[in-house]
PDB file of N, CA and C in Angstrom:
ATOM      1  N   UNK A   1     145.084  78.140  88.430  1.00  0.00           N
ATOM      2  CA  UNK A   1     146.422  77.855  88.898  1.00  0.00           C
ATOM      3  C   UNK A   1     147.074  79.179  89.288  1.00  0.00           C
ATOM      4  N   UNK A   2     147.789  79.186  90.389  1.00  0.00           N
ATOM      5  CA  UNK A   2     148.421  80.397  90.883  1.00  0.00           C
ATOM      6  C   UNK A   2     149.661  80.722  90.058  1.00  0.00           C
ATOM      7  N   UNK A   3     149.970  82.010  89.911  1.00  0.00           N
ATOM      8  CA  UNK A   3     151.179  82.370  89.166  1.00  0.00           C
ATOM      9  C   UNK A   3     152.426  81.921  89.921  1.00  0.00           C
ATOM     10  N   UNK A   4     153.497  81.675  89.174  1.00  0.00           N
ATOM     11  CA  UNK A   4     154.738  81.189  89.784  1.00  0.00           C
ATOM     12  C   UNK A   4     155.570  82.330  90.365  1.00  0.00           C
ATOM     13  N   UNK A   5     155.282  83.553  89.968  1.00  0.00           N
ATOM     14  CA  UNK A   5     156.049  84.695  90.448  1.00  0.00           C
ATOM     15  C   UNK A   5     155.147  85.593  91.294  1.00  0.00           C
ATOM     16  N   UNK A   6     155.767  86.456  92.123  1.00  0.00           N
ATOM     17  CA  UNK A   6     154.934  87.379  92.903  1.00  0.00           C
ATOM     18  C   UNK A   6     154.071  88.242  91.984  1.00  0.00           C
ATOM     19  N   UNK A   7     152.900  88.582  92.483  1.00  0.00           N
ATOM     20  CA  UNK A   7     151.936  89.319  91.685  1.00  0.00           C
ATOM     21  C   UNK A   7     151.564  90.590  92.428  1.00  0.00           C
ATOM     22  N   UNK A   8     151.322  91.671  91.703  1.00  0.00           N
ATOM     23  CA  UNK A   8     150.949  92.931  92.330  1.00  0.00           C
ATOM     24  C   UNK A   8     149.586  93.350  91.807  1.00  0.00           C
ATOM     25  N   UNK A   9     148.704  93.727  92.736  1.00  0.00           N
ATOM     26  CA  UNK A   9     147.355  94.149  92.376  1.00  0.00           C
ATOM     27  C   UNK A   9     147.427  95.480  91.630  1.00  0.00           C
ATOM     28  N   UNK A  10     146.777  95.597  90.460  1.00  0.00           N
ATOM     29  CA  UNK A  10     146.848  96.849  89.710  1.00  0.00           C
ATOM     30  C   UNK A  10     146.084  97.996  90.374  1.00  0.00           C
ATOM     31  N   UNK A  11     145.132  97.698  91.259  1.00  0.00           N
ATOM     32  CA  UNK A  11     144.342  98.762  91.880  1.00  0.00           C
ATOM     33  C   UNK A  11     144.966  99.287  93.161  1.00  0.00           C
ATOM     34  N   UNK A  12     145.345  98.378  94.068  1.00  0.00           N
ATOM     35  CA  UNK A  12     145.855  98.838  95.364  1.00  0.00           C
ATOM     36  C   UNK A  12     147.372  98.744  95.484  1.00  0.00           C
ATOM     37  N   UNK A  13     148.040  98.015  94.585  1.00  0.00           N
ATOM     38  CA  UNK A  13     149.488  97.903  94.619  1.00  0.00           C
ATOM     39  C   UNK A  13     150.017  96.881  95.607  1.00  0.00           C
ATOM     40  N   UNK A  14     149.136  96.121  96.228  1.00  0.00           N
ATOM     41  CA  UNK A  14     149.556  95.121  97.204  1.00  0.00           C
ATOM     42  C   UNK A  14     150.190  93.925  96.488  1.00  0.00           C
ATOM     43  N   UNK A  15     151.324  93.448  97.023  1.00  0.00           N
ATOM     44  CA  UNK A  15     152.018  92.304  96.428  1.00  0.00           C
ATOM     45  C   UNK A  15     151.527  91.006  97.064  1.00  0.00           C
ATOM     46  N   UNK A  16     151.439  89.987  96.233  1.00  0.00           N
ATOM     47  CA  UNK A  16     151.011  88.667  96.695  1.00  0.00           C
ATOM     48  C   UNK A  16     152.054  87.643  96.281  1.00  0.00           C
ATOM     49  N   UNK A  17     152.413  86.785  97.206  1.00  0.00           N
ATOM     50  CA  UNK A  17     153.331  85.690  96.916  1.00  0.00           C
ATOM     51  C   UNK A  17     152.499  84.465  96.535  1.00  0.00           C
ATOM     52  N   UNK A  18     152.971  83.681  95.591  1.00  0.00           N
ATOM     53  CA  UNK A  18     152.221  82.467  95.236  1.00  0.00           C
ATOM     54  C   UNK A  18     152.301  81.427  96.354  1.00  0.00           C
ATOM     55  N   UNK A  19     151.270  80.612  96.446  1.00  0.00           N
ATOM     56  CA  UNK A  19     151.272  79.521  97.418  1.00  0.00           C
ATOM     57  C   UNK A  19     152.251  78.442  96.976  1.00  0.00           C
ATOM     58  N   UNK A  20     152.858  77.748  97.930  1.00  0.00           N
ATOM     59  CA  UNK A  20     153.668  76.590  97.553  1.00  0.00           C
ATOM     60  C   UNK A  20     152.780  75.513  96.925  1.00  0.00           C
ATOM     61  N   UNK A  21     153.375  74.647  96.137  1.00  0.00           N
ATOM     62  CA  UNK A  21     152.583  73.638  95.433  1.00  0.00           C
ATOM     63  C   UNK A  21     151.881  72.695  96.400  1.00  0.00           C
ATOM     64  N   UNK A  22     152.437  72.484  97.593  1.00  0.00           N
ATOM     65  CA  UNK A  22     151.773  71.602  98.557  1.00  0.00           C
ATOM     66  C   UNK A  22     150.476  72.210  99.068  1.00  0.00           C
ATOM     67  N   UNK A  23     150.381  73.541  99.083  1.00  0.00           N
ATOM     68  CA  UNK A  23     149.150  74.202  99.506  1.00  0.00           C
ATOM     69  C   UNK A  23     148.140  74.201  98.366  1.00  0.00           C
ATOM     70  N   UNK A  24     148.606  74.378  97.150  1.00  0.00           N
ATOM     71  CA  UNK A  24     147.700  74.415  96.008  1.00  0.00           C
ATOM     72  C   UNK A  24     147.042  73.069  95.764  1.00  0.00           C
ATOM     73  N   UNK A  25     147.806  72.009  95.868  1.00  0.00           N
ATOM     74  CA  UNK A  25     147.299  70.666  95.586  1.00  0.00           C
ATOM     75  C   UNK A  25     147.648  69.749  96.754  1.00  0.00           C
ATOM     76  N   UNK A  26     146.859  69.773  97.827  1.00  0.00           N
ATOM     77  CA  UNK A  26     147.192  68.928  98.973  1.00  0.00           C
ATOM     78  C   UNK A  26     147.031  67.451  98.635  1.00  0.00           C
ATOM     79  N   UNK A  27     147.857  66.639  99.263  1.00  0.00           N
ATOM     80  CA  UNK A  27     147.771  65.190  99.074  1.00  0.00           C
ATOM     81  C   UNK A  27     146.483  64.679  99.694  1.00  0.00           C
ATOM     82  N   UNK A  28     145.917  63.667  99.072  1.00  0.00           N
ATOM     83  CA  UNK A  28     144.708  63.055  99.603  1.00  0.00           C
ATOM     84  C   UNK A  28     145.097  62.149 100.760  1.00  0.00           C
ATOM     85  N   UNK A  29     144.604  62.460 101.940  1.00  0.00           N
ATOM     86  CA  UNK A  29     144.968  61.667 103.107  1.00  0.00           C
ATOM     87  C   UNK A  29     144.089  60.422 103.192  1.00  0.00           C
ATOM     88  N   UNK A  30     144.667  59.378 103.740  1.00  0.00           N
ATOM     89  CA  UNK A  30     143.912  58.139 103.915  1.00  0.00           C
ATOM     90  C   UNK A  30     142.914  58.332 105.042  1.00  0.00           C
ATOM     91  N   UNK A  31     141.679  58.018 104.772  1.00  0.00           N
ATOM     92  CA  UNK A  31     140.636  58.171 105.769  1.00  0.00           C
ATOM     93  C   UNK A  31     140.554  56.965 106.690  1.00  0.00           C
ATOM     94  N   UNK A  32     139.565  56.990 107.557  1.00  0.00           N
ATOM     95  CA  UNK A  32     139.374  55.880 108.472  1.00  0.00           C
ATOM     96  C   UNK A  32     138.904  54.630 107.743  1.00  0.00           C
ATOM     97  N   UNK A  33     138.196  54.832 106.631  1.00  0.00           N
ATOM     98  CA  UNK A  33     137.634  53.686 105.936  1.00  0.00           C
ATOM     99  C   UNK A  33     138.343  53.498 104.599  1.00  0.00           C
ATOM    100  N   UNK A  34     139.460  52.799 104.614  1.00  0.00           N
ATOM    101  CA  UNK A  34     140.127  52.506 103.352  1.00  0.00           C
ATOM    102  C   UNK A  34     139.465  51.288 102.714  1.00  0.00           C
ATOM    103  N   UNK A  35     139.978  50.836 101.599  1.00  0.00           N
ATOM    104  CA  UNK A  35     139.329  49.760 100.848  1.00  0.00           C
ATOM    105  C   UNK A  35     139.257  48.455 101.631  1.00  0.00           C
ATOM    106  N   UNK A  36     140.315  48.110 102.331  1.00  0.00           N
ATOM    107  CA  UNK A  36     140.324  46.844 103.065  1.00  0.00           C
ATOM    108  C   UNK A  36     139.280  46.856 104.182  1.00  0.00           C
ATOM    109  N   UNK A  37     139.188  47.958 104.901  1.00  0.00           N
ATOM    110  CA  UNK A  37     138.197  48.066 105.974  1.00  0.00           C
ATOM    111  C   UNK A  37     136.790  48.023 105.396  1.00  0.00           C
ATOM    112  N   UNK A  38     136.581  48.682 104.273  1.00  0.00           N
ATOM    113  CA  UNK A  38     135.262  48.701 103.641  1.00  0.00           C
ATOM    114  C   UNK A  38     134.830  47.300 103.225  1.00  0.00           C
ATOM    115  N   UNK A  39     135.720  46.557 102.602  1.00  0.00           N
ATOM    116  CA  UNK A  39     135.388  45.189 102.177  1.00  0.00           C
ATOM    117  C   UNK A  39     135.125  44.309 103.393  1.00  0.00           C
ATOM    118  N   UNK A  40     135.913  44.469 104.453  1.00  0.00           N
ATOM    119  CA  UNK A  40     135.697  43.684 105.667  1.00  0.00           C
ATOM    120  C   UNK A  40     134.334  43.978 106.277  1.00  0.00           C
ATOM    121  N   UNK A  41     133.960  45.255 106.318  1.00  0.00           N
ATOM    122  CA  UNK A  41     132.648  45.625 106.857  1.00  0.00           C
ATOM    123  C   UNK A  41     131.536  45.005 106.029  1.00  0.00           C
ATOM    124  N   UNK A  42     131.658  45.044 104.713  1.00  0.00           N
ATOM    125  CA  UNK A  42     130.616  44.458 103.868  1.00  0.00           C
ATOM    126  C   UNK A  42     130.540  42.945 104.032  1.00  0.00           C
ATOM    127  N   UNK A  43     131.674  42.272 104.192  1.00  0.00           N
ATOM    128  CA  UNK A  43     131.657  40.819 104.402  1.00  0.00           C
ATOM    129  C   UNK A  43     130.986  40.476 105.724  1.00  0.00           C
ATOM    130  N   UNK A  44     131.320  41.210 106.771  1.00  0.00           N
ATOM    131  CA  UNK A  44     130.701  40.958 108.078  1.00  0.00           C
ATOM    132  C   UNK A  44     129.204  41.230 108.018  1.00  0.00           C
ATOM    133  N   UNK A  45     128.812  42.336 107.401  1.00  0.00           N
ATOM    134  CA  UNK A  45     127.380  42.625 107.290  1.00  0.00           C
ATOM    135  C   UNK A  45     126.663  41.588 106.439  1.00  0.00           C
ATOM    136  N   UNK A  46     127.316  41.063 105.418  1.00  0.00           N
ATOM    137  CA  UNK A  46     126.713  40.003 104.616  1.00  0.00           C
ATOM    138  C   UNK A  46     126.510  38.737 105.421  1.00  0.00           C
ATOM    139  N   UNK A  47     127.496  38.380 106.251  1.00  0.00           N
ATOM    140  CA  UNK A  47     127.353  37.199 107.105  1.00  0.00           C
ATOM    141  C   UNK A  47     126.240  37.397 108.127  1.00  0.00           C
ATOM    142  N   UNK A  48     126.151  38.595 108.683  1.00  0.00           N
ATOM    143  CA  UNK A  48     125.067  38.895 109.626  1.00  0.00           C
ATOM    144  C   UNK A  48     123.720  38.821 108.922  1.00  0.00           C
ATOM    145  N   UNK A  49     123.656  39.321 107.695  1.00  0.00           N
ATOM    146  CA  UNK A  49     122.394  39.271 106.945  1.00  0.00           C
ATOM    147  C   UNK A  49     121.974  37.830 106.687  1.00  0.00           C
ATOM    148  N   UNK A  50     122.923  36.964 106.341  1.00  0.00           N
ATOM    149  CA  UNK A  50     122.578  35.552 106.131  1.00  0.00           C
ATOM    150  C   UNK A  50     122.138  34.891 107.433  1.00  0.00           C
ATOM    151  N   UNK A  51     122.760  35.260 108.539  1.00  0.00           N
ATOM    152  CA  UNK A  51     122.322  34.747 109.839  1.00  0.00           C
ATOM    153  C   UNK A  51     120.932  35.236 110.196  1.00  0.00           C
ATOM    154  N   UNK A  52     120.654  36.478 109.856  1.00  0.00           N
ATOM    155  CA  UNK A  52     119.323  37.029 110.126  1.00  0.00           C
ATOM    156  C   UNK A  52     118.258  36.392 109.246  1.00  0.00           C
ATOM    157  N   UNK A  53     118.640  35.914 108.084  1.00  0.00           N
ATOM    158  CA  UNK A  53     117.679  35.257 107.201  1.00  0.00           C
ATOM    159  C   UNK A  53     117.124  33.994 107.851  1.00  0.00           C
ATOM    160  N   UNK A  54     117.965  33.326 108.659  1.00  0.00           N
ATOM    161  CA  UNK A  54     117.487  32.142 109.373  1.00  0.00           C
ATOM    162  C   UNK A  54     116.492  32.516 110.466  1.00  0.00           C
ATOM    163  N   UNK A  55     116.589  33.740 110.975  1.00  0.00           N
ATOM    164  CA  UNK A  55     115.683  34.181 112.045  1.00  0.00           C
ATOM    165  C   UNK A  55     114.350  34.639 111.458  1.00  0.00           C
ATOM    166  N   UNK A  56     114.413  35.641 110.581  1.00  0.00           N
ATOM    167  CA  UNK A  56     113.174  36.148 109.976  1.00  0.00           C
ATOM    168  C   UNK A  56     113.507  36.976 108.747  1.00  0.00           C
ATOM    169  N   UNK A  57     112.516  37.172 107.922  1.00  0.00           N
ATOM    170  CA  UNK A  57     112.711  37.990 106.725  1.00  0.00           C
ATOM    171  C   UNK A  57     112.885  39.460 107.084  1.00  0.00           C
ATOM    172  N   UNK A  58     112.204  39.903 108.133  1.00  0.00           N
ATOM    173  CA  UNK A  58     112.316  41.306 108.544  1.00  0.00           C
ATOM    174  C   UNK A  58     113.733  41.623 109.021  1.00  0.00           C
ATOM    175  N   UNK A  59     114.312  40.710 109.791  1.00  0.00           N
ATOM    176  CA  UNK A  59     115.685  40.921 110.256  1.00  0.00           C
ATOM    177  C   UNK A  59     116.653  40.929 109.079  1.00  0.00           C
ATOM    178  N   UNK A  60     116.407  40.075 108.088  1.00  0.00           N
ATOM    179  CA  UNK A  60     117.242  40.062 106.891  1.00  0.00           C
ATOM    180  C   UNK A  60     117.118  41.387 106.139  1.00  0.00           C
ATOM    181  N   UNK A  61     115.895  41.910 106.046  1.00  0.00           N
ATOM    182  CA  UNK A  61     115.688  43.182 105.347  1.00  0.00           C
ATOM    183  C   UNK A  61     116.432  44.313 106.050  1.00  0.00           C
ATOM    184  N   UNK A  62     116.408  44.324 107.376  1.00  0.00           N
ATOM    185  CA  UNK A  62     117.121  45.360 108.133  1.00  0.00           C
ATOM    186  C   UNK A  62     118.628  45.226 107.918  1.00  0.00           C
ATOM    187  N   UNK A  63     119.149  44.010 107.954  1.00  0.00           N
ATOM    188  CA  UNK A  63     120.582  43.798 107.739  1.00  0.00           C
ATOM    189  C   UNK A  63     120.980  44.174 106.318  1.00  0.00           C
ATOM    190  N   UNK A  64     120.127  43.870 105.356  1.00  0.00           N
ATOM    191  CA  UNK A  64     120.415  44.245 103.974  1.00  0.00           C
ATOM    192  C   UNK A  64     120.415  45.767 103.821  1.00  0.00           C
ATOM    193  N   UNK A  65     119.516  46.452 104.522  1.00  0.00           N
ATOM    194  CA  UNK A  65     119.510  47.923 104.493  1.00  0.00           C
ATOM    195  C   UNK A  65     120.799  48.488 105.088  1.00  0.00           C
ATOM    196  N   UNK A  66     121.340  47.815 106.104  1.00  0.00           N
ATOM    197  CA  UNK A  66     122.613  48.263 106.682  1.00  0.00           C
ATOM    198  C   UNK A  66     123.731  48.159 105.652  1.00  0.00           C
ATOM    199  N   UNK A  67     123.737  47.080 104.875  1.00  0.00           N
ATOM    200  CA  UNK A  67     124.736  46.936 103.810  1.00  0.00           C
ATOM    201  C   UNK A  67     124.582  48.063 102.799  1.00  0.00           C
ATOM    202  N   UNK A  68     123.359  48.367 102.428  1.00  0.00           N
ATOM    203  CA  UNK A  68     123.086  49.427 101.461  1.00  0.00           C
ATOM    204  C   UNK A  68     123.530  50.787 101.990  1.00  0.00           C
ATOM    205  N   UNK A  69     123.274  51.055 103.276  1.00  0.00           N
ATOM    206  CA  UNK A  69     123.659  52.345 103.868  1.00  0.00           C
ATOM    207  C   UNK A  69     125.180  52.481 103.914  1.00  0.00           C
ATOM    208  N   UNK A  70     125.888  51.408 104.260  1.00  0.00           N
ATOM    209  CA  UNK A  70     127.355  51.463 104.292  1.00  0.00           C
ATOM    210  C   UNK A  70     127.904  51.716 102.892  1.00  0.00           C
ATOM    211  N   UNK A  71     127.329  51.051 101.897  1.00  0.00           N
ATOM    212  CA  UNK A  71     127.785  51.266 100.519  1.00  0.00           C
ATOM    213  C   UNK A  71     127.496  52.693 100.063  1.00  0.00           C
ATOM    214  N   UNK A  72     126.346  53.236 100.439  1.00  0.00           N
ATOM    215  CA  UNK A  72     126.031  54.629 100.088  1.00  0.00           C
ATOM    216  C   UNK A  72     126.984  55.604 100.774  1.00  0.00           C
ATOM    217  N   UNK A  73     127.307  55.340 102.036  1.00  0.00           N
ATOM    218  CA  UNK A  73     128.233  56.216 102.759  1.00  0.00           C
ATOM    219  C   UNK A  73     129.603  56.208 102.101  1.00  0.00           C
ATOM    220  N   UNK A  74     130.040  55.033 101.679  1.00  0.00           N
ATOM    221  CA  UNK A  74     131.334  54.942 100.992  1.00  0.00           C
ATOM    222  C   UNK A  74     131.301  55.704  99.664  1.00  0.00           C
ATOM    223  N   UNK A  75     130.226  55.526  98.921  1.00  0.00           N
ATOM    224  CA  UNK A  75     130.095  56.247  97.655  1.00  0.00           C
ATOM    225  C   UNK A  75     130.065  57.746  97.852  1.00  0.00           C
ATOM    226  N   UNK A  76     129.370  58.206  98.893  1.00  0.00           N
ATOM    227  CA  UNK A  76     129.299  59.642  99.184  1.00  0.00           C
ATOM    228  C   UNK A  76     130.681  60.176  99.537  1.00  0.00           C
ATOM    229  N   UNK A  77     131.434  59.414 100.337  1.00  0.00           N
ATOM    230  CA  UNK A  77     132.774  59.862 100.704  1.00  0.00           C
ATOM    231  C   UNK A  77     133.683  59.959  99.494  1.00  0.00           C
ATOM    232  N   UNK A  78     133.595  58.971  98.607  1.00  0.00           N
ATOM    233  CA  UNK A  78     134.402  59.013  97.391  1.00  0.00           C
ATOM    234  C   UNK A  78     133.993  60.187  96.507  1.00  0.00           C
ATOM    235  N   UNK A  79     132.698  60.466  96.445  1.00  0.00           N
ATOM    236  CA  UNK A  79     132.212  61.592  95.651  1.00  0.00           C
ATOM    237  C   UNK A  79     132.720  62.911  96.207  1.00  0.00           C
ATOM    238  N   UNK A  80     132.736  63.050  97.530  1.00  0.00           N
ATOM    239  CA  UNK A  80     133.195  64.291  98.157  1.00  0.00           C
ATOM    240  C   UNK A  80     134.704  64.492  98.008  1.00  0.00           C
ATOM    241  N   UNK A  81     135.468  63.409  97.868  1.00  0.00           N
ATOM    242  CA  UNK A  81     136.927  63.504  97.748  1.00  0.00           C
ATOM    243  C   UNK A  81     137.411  63.627  96.317  1.00  0.00           C
ATOM    244  N   UNK A  82     136.513  63.777  95.367  1.00  0.00           N
ATOM    245  CA  UNK A  82     136.923  63.877  93.962  1.00  0.00           C
ATOM    246  C   UNK A  82     137.603  65.195  93.713  1.00  0.00           C
TER     247      UNK A  82
END
């Protein structure tokens, strides 16, 4: 945590001003994929996967992998924003 008062370097004598609190702890901005969009994408991919199941097992497997990749991408984004 940055000091609340100006600080002076003991070696070179240079003064430093503390950062404002908005710079120290920036607000988490809403990304392109919020919770509602994520759930909608998973519902659509689930419906597509069920439709693909009527066509073939291979198409269902590919659609299921798409659901898995979207869920992994969401998890990775949440992990990076911690």
